[in-house]
Amino acid sequence: MRCIISAVFDVREEKLMDEALALAREAAAAGEVPVGCVIELNGEVIGRGANCTVRNSDPTAHAEMVALREAATKFGDHRLEGARLFVTVEPCLMCLGAILLARIAEVYYGTDEPKFGAVTSRFALAEHERFRKVGFHGGLLANEAKELMAEFFERLRAEGGD
């Protein structure tokens, strides 16, 4: 894998991350950790997801997993070769595993996830030689994603949540 942090992004990539941020805001409004994800293949969005672990009582219902399921169903194949995944927060171990199995070509993420991030933050698996090559690009609209997470957890703490 190769990882590029704070790369230069084009307008199309920013537009796709804007869509992922909108999904993250919807998740926050529903009381979920605000993470959104969009999967694009050949210029078409084939998968969208927002965290829904609480609503679905499903610990695997992360935004990436929801988007991957939708994309695989729409595309008609569990392998999404050539697809690009845009997610507001660095993927965790579970989501990174699914991304690798789906054969996603590139992952663009907004902000780092110091507690569970599996690309560079906590587990730093982006450069592991045993995994297939995936392009990781961190820092796309990072301030917006980071702010959304900070606001959500500040509100949660103020309400007495965990």
C-alpha atoms as a PDB file:
ATOM      1  CA  MET A   1       0.000   0.000   0.000  1.00  0.00           C
ATOM      2  CA  ARG A   2       1.109   3.516  -0.434  1.00  0.00           C
ATOM      3  CA  CYS A   3      -0.132   6.359   1.688  1.00  0.00           C
ATOM      4  CA  ILE A   4      -0.137  10.027   0.809  1.00  0.00           C
ATOM      5  CA  ILE A   5      -1.162  12.426   3.538  1.00  0.00           C
ATOM      6  CA  SER A   6      -2.443  15.913   2.682  1.00  0.00           C
ATOM      7  CA  ALA A   7      -2.114  15.434  -1.053  1.00  0.00           C
ATOM      8  CA  VAL A   8      -3.476  17.932  -3.546  1.00  0.00           C
ATOM      9  CA  PHE A   9      -7.056  17.019  -4.375  1.00  0.00           C
ATOM     10  CA  ASP A  10      -9.156  17.944  -7.396  1.00  0.00           C
ATOM     11  CA  VAL A  11     -12.670  19.383  -7.506  1.00  0.00           C
ATOM     12  CA  ARG A  12     -14.313  15.999  -8.208  1.00  0.00           C
ATOM     13  CA  GLU A  13     -12.636  14.433  -5.189  1.00  0.00           C
ATOM     14  CA  GLU A  14     -13.725  17.331  -2.980  1.00  0.00           C
ATOM     15  CA  LYS A  15     -17.292  17.016  -4.302  1.00  0.00           C
ATOM     16  CA  LEU A  16     -17.383  13.318  -3.398  1.00  0.00           C
ATOM     17  CA  MET A  17     -16.033  14.060   0.082  1.00  0.00           C
ATOM     18  CA  ASP A  18     -18.670  16.802   0.449  1.00  0.00           C
ATOM     19  CA  GLU A  19     -21.274  14.107  -0.204  1.00  0.00           C
ATOM     20  CA  ALA A  20     -19.659  11.863   2.424  1.00  0.00           C
ATOM     21  CA  LEU A  21     -19.709  14.789   4.887  1.00  0.00           C
ATOM     22  CA  ALA A  22     -23.433  15.297   4.228  1.00  0.00           C
ATOM     23  CA  LEU A  23     -23.994  11.625   5.076  1.00  0.00           C
ATOM     24  CA  ALA A  24     -21.930  12.065   8.239  1.00  0.00           C
ATOM     25  CA  ARG A  25     -24.120  15.004   9.269  1.00  0.00           C
ATOM     26  CA  GLU A  26     -27.205  12.825   8.768  1.00  0.00           C
ATOM     27  CA  ALA A  27     -25.640  10.177  11.005  1.00  0.00           C
ATOM     28  CA  ALA A  28     -24.919  12.782  13.703  1.00  0.00           C
ATOM     29  CA  ALA A  29     -28.505  14.039  13.554  1.00  0.00           C
ATOM     30  CA  ALA A  30     -29.644  10.453  14.188  1.00  0.00           C
ATOM     31  CA  GLY A  31     -27.340  10.126  17.210  1.00  0.00           C
ATOM     32  CA  GLU A  32     -24.679   8.110  15.396  1.00  0.00           C
ATOM     33  CA  VAL A  33     -20.947   8.810  15.282  1.00  0.00           C
ATOM     34  CA  PRO A  34     -20.733  11.165  12.285  1.00  0.00           C
ATOM     35  CA  VAL A  35     -18.998   9.151   9.593  1.00  0.00           C
ATOM     36  CA  GLY A  36     -20.103   9.115   5.970  1.00  0.00           C
ATOM     37  CA  CYS A  37     -18.814   7.211   2.961  1.00  0.00           C
ATOM     38  CA  VAL A  38     -19.242   7.333  -0.816  1.00  0.00           C
ATOM     39  CA  ILE A  39     -17.890   4.832  -3.358  1.00  0.00           C
ATOM     40  CA  GLU A  40     -17.292   5.912  -6.938  1.00  0.00           C
ATOM     41  CA  LEU A  41     -16.531   3.774  -9.972  1.00  0.00           C
ATOM     42  CA  ASN A  42     -16.032   5.106 -13.490  1.00  0.00           C
ATOM     43  CA  GLY A  43     -17.459   8.490 -12.532  1.00  0.00           C
ATOM     44  CA  GLU A  44     -20.642   7.071 -10.974  1.00  0.00           C
ATOM     45  CA  VAL A  45     -21.470   6.833  -7.279  1.00  0.00           C
ATOM     46  CA  ILE A  46     -22.323   3.176  -6.667  1.00  0.00           C
ATOM     47  CA  GLY A  47     -22.433   3.130  -2.878  1.00  0.00           C
ATOM     48  CA  ARG A  48     -23.306   5.454  -0.026  1.00  0.00           C
ATOM     49  CA  GLY A  49     -23.254   4.857   3.687  1.00  0.00           C
ATOM     50  CA  ALA A  50     -23.513   6.551   7.045  1.00  0.00           C
ATOM     51  CA  ASN A  51     -22.821   5.038  10.436  1.00  0.00           C
ATOM     52  CA  CYS A  52     -25.915   3.242  11.712  1.00  0.00           C
ATOM     53  CA  THR A  53     -24.544   0.936  14.389  1.00  0.00           C
ATOM     54  CA  VAL A  54     -26.912   2.262  17.077  1.00  0.00           C
ATOM     55  CA  ARG A  55     -30.037   2.395  14.900  1.00  0.00           C
ATOM     56  CA  ASN A  56     -29.420  -1.097  13.518  1.00  0.00           C
ATOM     57  CA  SER A  57     -27.993  -2.617  16.720  1.00  0.00           C
ATOM     58  CA  ASP A  58     -25.163  -3.802  14.481  1.00  0.00           C
ATOM     59  CA  PRO A  59     -21.505  -3.252  15.390  1.00  0.00           C
ATOM     60  CA  THR A  60     -20.520  -3.820  11.748  1.00  0.00           C
ATOM     61  CA  ALA A  61     -22.770  -1.056  10.371  1.00  0.00           C
ATOM     62  CA  HIS A  62     -19.940   1.421   9.881  1.00  0.00           C
ATOM     63  CA  ALA A  63     -20.332   3.889   7.009  1.00  0.00           C
ATOM     64  CA  GLU A  64     -17.749   2.044   4.906  1.00  0.00           C
ATOM     65  CA  MET A  65     -19.430  -1.325   5.405  1.00  0.00           C
ATOM     66  CA  VAL A  66     -22.859   0.075   4.499  1.00  0.00           C
ATOM     67  CA  ALA A  67     -21.437   1.713   1.366  1.00  0.00           C
ATOM     68  CA  LEU A  68     -19.494  -1.428   0.374  1.00  0.00           C
ATOM     69  CA  ARG A  69     -22.625  -3.583   0.680  1.00  0.00           C
ATOM     70  CA  GLU A  70     -24.644  -1.177  -1.451  1.00  0.00           C
ATOM     71  CA  ALA A  71     -21.868  -0.871  -4.043  1.00  0.00           C
ATOM     72  CA  ALA A  72     -21.375  -4.630  -4.338  1.00  0.00           C
ATOM     73  CA  THR A  73     -25.115  -5.150  -4.772  1.00  0.00           C
ATOM     74  CA  LYS A  74     -25.418  -2.366  -7.343  1.00  0.00           C
ATOM     75  CA  PHE A  75     -22.271  -3.407  -9.202  1.00  0.00           C
ATOM     76  CA  GLY A  76     -23.218  -7.086  -9.025  1.00  0.00           C
ATOM     77  CA  ASP A  77     -19.857  -8.237  -7.726  1.00  0.00           C
ATOM     78  CA  HIS A  78     -18.114  -8.377  -4.358  1.00  0.00           C
ATOM     79  CA  ARG A  79     -14.934  -7.186  -6.055  1.00  0.00           C
ATOM     80  CA  LEU A  80     -15.020  -3.485  -6.775  1.00  0.00           C
ATOM     81  CA  GLU A  81     -11.767  -3.231  -8.693  1.00  0.00           C
ATOM     82  CA  GLY A  82     -10.987   0.295  -9.804  1.00  0.00           C
ATOM     83  CA  ALA A  83     -13.410   1.877  -7.332  1.00  0.00           C
ATOM     84  CA  ARG A  84     -12.511   4.815  -5.127  1.00  0.00           C
ATOM     85  CA  LEU A  85     -13.827   5.100  -1.581  1.00  0.00           C
ATOM     86  CA  PHE A  86     -14.310   8.477   0.133  1.00  0.00           C
ATOM     87  CA  VAL A  87     -14.815   8.424   3.897  1.00  0.00           C
ATOM     88  CA  THR A  88     -14.802  11.267   6.390  1.00  0.00           C
ATOM     89  CA  VAL A  89     -12.678   9.456   8.997  1.00  0.00           C
ATOM     90  CA  GLU A  90      -9.713   7.097   8.652  1.00  0.00           C
ATOM     91  CA  PRO A  91     -10.972   3.483   8.390  1.00  0.00           C
ATOM     92  CA  CYS A  92     -10.765   1.104  11.350  1.00  0.00           C
ATOM     93  CA  LEU A  93      -9.352  -2.440  11.192  1.00  0.00           C
ATOM     94  CA  MET A  94     -12.683  -4.019  10.230  1.00  0.00           C
ATOM     95  CA  CYS A  95     -13.338  -1.526   7.458  1.00  0.00           C
ATOM     96  CA  LEU A  96      -9.776  -1.705   6.169  1.00  0.00           C
ATOM     97  CA  GLY A  97     -10.137  -5.481   5.904  1.00  0.00           C
ATOM     98  CA  ALA A  98     -13.364  -5.128   3.923  1.00  0.00           C
ATOM     99  CA  ILE A  99     -11.780  -2.468   1.699  1.00  0.00           C
ATOM    100  CA  LEU A 100      -8.887  -4.826   0.917  1.00  0.00           C
ATOM    101  CA  LEU A 101     -11.221  -7.764   0.248  1.00  0.00           C
ATOM    102  CA  ALA A 102     -13.380  -5.621  -2.044  1.00  0.00           C
ATOM    103  CA  ARG A 103     -10.246  -4.643  -3.977  1.00  0.00           C
ATOM    104  CA  ILE A 104     -10.894  -0.923  -3.726  1.00  0.00           C
ATOM    105  CA  ALA A 105      -8.193   0.899  -5.692  1.00  0.00           C
ATOM    106  CA  GLU A 106      -7.982   4.115  -3.707  1.00  0.00           C
ATOM    107  CA  VAL A 107      -9.209   5.405  -0.358  1.00  0.00           C
ATOM    108  CA  TYR A 108      -9.594   9.098   0.390  1.00  0.00           C
ATOM    109  CA  TYR A 109     -10.248  10.027   3.983  1.00  0.00           C
ATOM    110  CA  GLY A 110     -10.729  13.260   5.839  1.00  0.00           C
ATOM    111  CA  THR A 111      -9.376  13.174   9.352  1.00  0.00           C
ATOM    112  CA  ASP A 112      -7.224  10.739  11.282  1.00  0.00           C
ATOM    113  CA  GLU A 113      -8.791   8.434  13.864  1.00  0.00           C
ATOM    114  CA  PRO A 114      -6.304   8.178  16.757  1.00  0.00           C
ATOM    115  CA  LYS A 115      -8.280   5.560  18.697  1.00  0.00           C
ATOM    116  CA  PHE A 116      -9.077   2.990  15.971  1.00  0.00           C
ATOM    117  CA  GLY A 117      -7.468   4.254  12.729  1.00  0.00           C
ATOM    118  CA  ALA A 118      -5.868   1.407  10.809  1.00  0.00           C
ATOM    119  CA  VAL A 119      -4.217   3.274   7.926  1.00  0.00           C
ATOM    120  CA  THR A 120      -1.651   5.484   9.652  1.00  0.00           C
ATOM    121  CA  SER A 121      -2.858   6.525  13.110  1.00  0.00           C
ATOM    122  CA  ARG A 122      -3.301   3.657  15.555  1.00  0.00           C
ATOM    123  CA  PHE A 123      -2.263   0.553  13.653  1.00  0.00           C
ATOM    124  CA  ALA A 124      -0.443   2.092  10.641  1.00  0.00           C
ATOM    125  CA  LEU A 125      -1.179  -0.749   8.230  1.00  0.00           C
ATOM    126  CA  ALA A 126      -1.018   1.341   5.035  1.00  0.00           C
ATOM    127  CA  GLU A 127       2.545   0.267   4.340  1.00  0.00           C
ATOM    128  CA  HIS A 128       2.258  -3.392   5.360  1.00  0.00           C
ATOM    129  CA  GLU A 129       4.015  -5.473   2.698  1.00  0.00           C
ATOM    130  CA  ARG A 130       1.607  -8.411   2.953  1.00  0.00           C
ATOM    131  CA  PHE A 131      -1.433  -6.479   1.736  1.00  0.00           C
ATOM    132  CA  ARG A 132      -2.343  -5.686  -1.846  1.00  0.00           C
ATOM    133  CA  LYS A 133      -1.541  -2.221  -3.079  1.00  0.00           C
ATOM    134  CA  VAL A 134      -4.138   0.435  -2.323  1.00  0.00           C
ATOM    135  CA  GLY A 135      -3.648   4.167  -2.689  1.00  0.00           C
ATOM    136  CA  PHE A 136      -4.486   5.946   0.571  1.00  0.00           C
ATOM    137  CA  HIS A 137      -4.923   9.706   0.550  1.00  0.00           C
ATOM    138  CA  GLY A 138      -5.496  11.393   3.890  1.00  0.00           C
ATOM    139  CA  GLY A 139      -6.459  14.953   4.661  1.00  0.00           C
ATOM    140  CA  LEU A 140      -9.250  15.562   2.129  1.00  0.00           C
ATOM    141  CA  LEU A 141     -11.474  18.225   3.749  1.00  0.00           C
ATOM    142  CA  ALA A 142      -9.888  17.187   7.036  1.00  0.00           C
ATOM    143  CA  ASN A 143     -10.884  20.314   8.960  1.00  0.00           C
ATOM    144  CA  GLU A 144     -14.567  19.817   8.170  1.00  0.00           C
ATOM    145  CA  ALA A 145     -14.470  16.145   9.158  1.00  0.00           C
ATOM    146  CA  LYS A 146     -12.499  16.814  12.331  1.00  0.00           C
ATOM    147  CA  GLU A 147     -14.838  19.626  13.364  1.00  0.00           C
ATOM    148  CA  LEU A 148     -17.894  17.434  12.818  1.00  0.00           C
ATOM    149  CA  MET A 149     -16.436  14.701  15.043  1.00  0.00           C
ATOM    150  CA  ALA A 150     -15.388  17.192  17.741  1.00  0.00           C
ATOM    151  CA  GLU A 151     -18.849  18.823  17.839  1.00  0.00           C
ATOM    152  CA  PHE A 152     -20.557  15.446  18.078  1.00  0.00           C
ATOM    153  CA  PHE A 153     -18.433  14.213  20.990  1.00  0.00           C
ATOM    154  CA  GLU A 154     -18.622  17.569  22.815  1.00  0.00           C
ATOM    155  CA  ARG A 155     -22.419  17.406  22.593  1.00  0.00           C
ATOM    156  CA  LEU A 156     -22.419  13.763  23.702  1.00  0.00           C
ATOM    157  CA  ARG A 157     -20.246  14.570  26.750  1.00  0.00           C
ATOM    158  CA  ALA A 158     -22.445  17.574  27.604  1.00  0.00           C
ATOM    159  CA  GLU A 159     -25.499  15.287  27.530  1.00  0.00           C
ATOM    160  CA  GLY A 160     -23.751  12.794  29.820  1.00  0.00           C
ATOM    161  CA  GLY A 161     -23.058  10.145  27.163  1.00  0.00           C
ATOM    162  CA  ASP A 162     -19.903   8.151  26.663  1.00  0.00           C
END
